[in-house]
């Protein structure tokens, strides 16, 4: 194994970590769930840091890292919603945004070519808010005040940033596609 593969292995470990996180939630072991979610979040920071610091960036990592984030977050949203801890409308908003992005990427790839995956600032902010929201929801199961209020505020921000970041991607890709199509026509 090459050292440059370490960030990708950390991403894979984060995906595997989803199973015990979801299981602990279903068993209402909220402290364990919280600990595992924090470990997953720290692993996301670590793999990004290692990839940048050591110039171990790769196309696989650029795809795998956001995929690991989405697998974790969507699994958490679906689980917490099915447990009655978060509203269906928010879960549907988050999932619809992700599906819009996948659909947009597919269209871009089909008509223009392979896109360079790069998260936007608002998308990174949205992901951070989603994770904070989930943590507040879990904390509210043991300590209602102030975490219940923080979860409500954060959930509202997740709703807004999910819509804005989804639109942001579509606008960016539309502009890039138009440029590439225009350039290829000359």
Protein backbone atom coordinates (compact mmCIF):
# COMPACT_ATOMS: atom_id res chain seq x y z
CA UNK A 1 0.00 0.00 0.00
CA UNK A 2 1.24 3.45 -0.90
CA UNK A 3 1.02 6.26 1.62
CA UNK A 4 -0.86 8.34 -0.96
CA UNK A 5 -3.82 5.95 -0.56
CA UNK A 6 -4.27 6.75 3.14
CA UNK A 7 -6.89 9.50 2.59
CA UNK A 8 -8.97 7.14 0.43
CA UNK A 9 -8.74 4.39 3.06
CA UNK A 10 -9.91 6.87 5.69
CA UNK A 11 -12.91 7.68 3.44
CA UNK A 12 -13.71 3.98 3.13
CA UNK A 13 -13.47 3.59 6.91
CA UNK A 14 -15.95 6.47 7.27
CA UNK A 15 -18.39 4.63 5.00
CA UNK A 16 -18.01 1.43 7.05
CA UNK A 17 -18.56 3.46 10.23
CA UNK A 18 -22.09 4.26 9.04
CA UNK A 19 -23.25 0.76 10.04
CA UNK A 20 -22.43 0.99 13.77
CA UNK A 21 -23.65 4.60 13.86
CA UNK A 22 -27.08 3.65 12.51
CA UNK A 23 -27.26 0.55 14.70
CA UNK A 24 -26.45 2.56 17.84
CA UNK A 25 -29.13 5.12 16.93
CA UNK A 26 -31.76 2.40 16.54
CA UNK A 27 -30.75 1.02 19.93
CA UNK A 28 -31.07 4.56 21.33
CA UNK A 29 -27.45 4.54 22.44
CA UNK A 30 -27.21 8.24 21.71
CA UNK A 31 -23.90 8.84 23.45
CA UNK A 32 -22.22 6.09 21.41
CA UNK A 33 -23.88 7.41 18.24
CA UNK A 34 -22.59 10.88 18.98
CA UNK A 35 -19.07 9.61 19.62
CA UNK A 36 -19.03 7.65 16.34
CA UNK A 37 -20.41 10.63 14.40
CA UNK A 38 -17.69 12.85 15.84
CA UNK A 39 -15.07 10.26 14.84
CA UNK A 40 -16.54 10.22 11.32
CA UNK A 41 -16.41 14.03 11.19
CA UNK A 42 -12.81 14.10 12.40
CA UNK A 43 -11.87 11.45 9.82
CA UNK A 44 -13.28 13.74 7.12
CA UNK A 45 -11.04 16.56 8.33
CA UNK A 46 -8.04 14.22 8.60
CA UNK A 47 -8.30 12.74 5.10
CA UNK A 48 -8.66 16.21 3.58
CA UNK A 49 -5.71 17.52 5.56
CA UNK A 50 -3.47 14.59 4.57
CA UNK A 51 -4.45 14.83 0.91
CA UNK A 52 -3.69 18.56 0.75
CA UNK A 53 -0.59 18.61 2.96
CA UNK A 54 1.13 15.72 1.18
CA UNK A 55 -0.25 16.39 -2.30
CA UNK A 56 -2.05 13.04 -2.26
CA UNK A 57 -5.08 14.36 -4.11
CA UNK A 58 -6.63 12.01 -6.61
CA UNK A 59 -9.71 11.80 -8.77
CA UNK A 60 -10.85 8.82 -6.69
CA UNK A 61 -10.49 10.87 -3.52
CA UNK A 62 -12.32 13.81 -5.07
CA UNK A 63 -15.27 11.49 -5.74
CA UNK A 64 -14.98 9.22 -2.70
CA UNK A 65 -14.80 11.95 -0.04
CA UNK A 66 -18.12 13.67 -0.88
CA UNK A 67 -19.70 10.24 -1.49
CA UNK A 68 -18.67 9.15 2.01
CA UNK A 69 -20.14 12.37 3.42
CA UNK A 70 -23.41 11.84 1.55
CA UNK A 71 -23.70 8.18 2.55
CA UNK A 72 -23.21 9.14 6.19
CA UNK A 73 -25.52 12.16 6.17
CA UNK A 74 -28.34 10.64 4.12
CA UNK A 75 -28.24 7.51 6.30
CA UNK A 76 -28.45 9.68 9.40
CA UNK A 77 -31.30 11.80 8.03
CA UNK A 78 -33.29 8.72 6.98
CA UNK A 79 -32.71 6.98 10.31
CA UNK A 80 -33.52 9.99 12.48
CA UNK A 81 -36.60 10.76 10.38
CA UNK A 82 -37.85 7.16 10.64
CA UNK A 83 -37.34 7.41 14.42
CA UNK A 84 -39.57 10.51 14.42
CA UNK A 85 -36.76 12.83 15.52
CA UNK A 86 -36.60 15.06 12.44
CA UNK A 87 -39.31 16.18 10.02
CA UNK A 88 -39.94 14.38 6.74
CA UNK A 89 -39.92 17.65 4.75
CA UNK A 90 -36.34 18.39 5.81
CA UNK A 91 -35.16 14.87 5.00
CA UNK A 92 -36.81 15.10 1.58
CA UNK A 93 -35.20 18.50 0.96
CA UNK A 94 -31.72 17.16 1.75
CA UNK A 95 -32.20 14.03 -0.38
CA UNK A 96 -33.79 15.96 -3.27
CA UNK A 97 -30.80 18.33 -3.32
CA UNK A 98 -28.40 15.39 -3.51
CA UNK A 99 -30.44 13.74 -6.28
CA UNK A 100 -30.51 17.05 -8.21
CA UNK A 101 -26.72 17.23 -7.97
CA UNK A 102 -26.31 13.64 -9.17
CA UNK A 103 -28.74 14.28 -12.04
CA UNK A 104 -26.94 17.52 -12.95
CA UNK A 105 -23.56 15.77 -12.91
CA UNK A 106 -24.95 13.03 -15.14
CA UNK A 107 -26.28 15.56 -17.65
CA UNK A 108 -23.00 17.48 -17.59
CA UNK A 109 -21.02 14.29 -18.16
CA UNK A 110 -23.28 13.18 -21.01
CA UNK A 111 -23.38 16.48 -22.89
CA UNK A 112 -20.08 18.14 -21.98
CA UNK A 113 -17.61 15.69 -20.48
CA UNK A 114 -16.23 14.57 -17.16
CA UNK A 115 -16.60 17.40 -14.63
CA UNK A 116 -13.90 18.22 -12.12
CA UNK A 117 -15.60 17.56 -8.78
CA UNK A 118 -15.10 20.50 -6.46
CA UNK A 119 -17.42 21.51 -3.65
CA UNK A 120 -18.57 25.11 -3.47
CA UNK A 121 -18.37 27.19 -0.29
CA UNK A 122 -22.10 27.08 0.27
CA UNK A 123 -22.07 23.32 -0.24
CA UNK A 124 -19.34 22.90 2.39
CA UNK A 125 -21.34 25.16 4.71
CA UNK A 126 -24.47 23.09 4.04
CA UNK A 127 -22.64 19.85 4.88
CA UNK A 128 -21.31 21.38 8.11
CA UNK A 129 -24.81 22.58 9.04
CA UNK A 130 -26.28 19.14 8.31
CA UNK A 131 -23.76 17.50 10.63
CA UNK A 132 -24.32 20.15 13.34
CA UNK A 133 -28.09 19.70 13.01
CA UNK A 134 -27.80 15.94 13.47
CA UNK A 135 -25.54 16.37 16.50
CA UNK A 136 -28.00 18.86 18.06
CA UNK A 137 -30.93 16.49 17.41
CA UNK A 138 -29.08 13.65 19.13
CA UNK A 139 -27.98 15.88 22.03
CA UNK A 140 -31.60 17.05 22.44
CA UNK A 141 -32.57 13.46 23.26
CA UNK A 142 -30.71 13.78 26.55
CA UNK A 143 -30.56 17.52 27.19
CA UNK A 144 -33.54 19.28 25.67
CA UNK A 145 -32.52 22.86 26.45
CA UNK A 146 -30.72 24.45 24.59
CA UNK A 147 -30.14 21.70 22.01
CA UNK A 148 -33.77 21.43 20.92
CA UNK A 149 -33.76 25.15 20.02
CA UNK A 150 -30.34 24.87 18.36
CA UNK A 151 -31.62 21.91 16.32
CA UNK A 152 -34.65 23.92 15.16
CA UNK A 153 -32.53 26.90 14.12
CA UNK A 154 -29.91 24.70 12.47
CA UNK A 155 -32.62 22.67 10.69
CA UNK A 156 -34.04 25.87 9.20
CA UNK A 157 -30.57 26.84 7.98
CA UNK A 158 -30.08 23.35 6.51
CA UNK A 159 -33.32 23.81 4.56
CA UNK A 160 -32.23 27.17 3.11
CA UNK A 161 -28.63 26.17 2.35
CA UNK A 162 -29.73 22.88 0.78
CA UNK A 163 -31.81 24.79 -1.74
CA UNK A 164 -29.17 27.47 -2.33
CA UNK A 165 -26.29 25.02 -2.72
CA UNK A 166 -28.29 22.84 -5.12
CA UNK A 167 -29.09 25.89 -7.25
CA UNK A 168 -25.48 27.07 -6.98
CA UNK A 169 -24.21 23.83 -8.52
CA UNK A 170 -26.75 23.98 -11.33
CA UNK A 171 -25.81 27.59 -12.16
CA UNK A 172 -22.06 26.87 -12.09
CA UNK A 173 -22.41 23.76 -14.26
CA UNK A 174 -24.72 25.55 -16.70
CA UNK A 175 -22.19 28.35 -17.16
CA UNK A 176 -19.30 25.89 -17.57
CA UNK A 177 -21.30 23.76 -20.01
CA UNK A 178 -22.24 26.81 -22.07
CA UNK A 179 -18.58 27.88 -22.26
CA UNK A 180 -17.40 24.41 -23.30
CA UNK A 181 -20.13 23.99 -25.88
CA UNK A 182 -19.39 27.47 -27.26
CA UNK A 183 -15.63 26.74 -27.40
CA UNK A 184 -16.14 23.42 -29.17
CA UNK A 185 -18.36 25.11 -31.77
CA UNK A 186 -15.63 27.50 -32.91
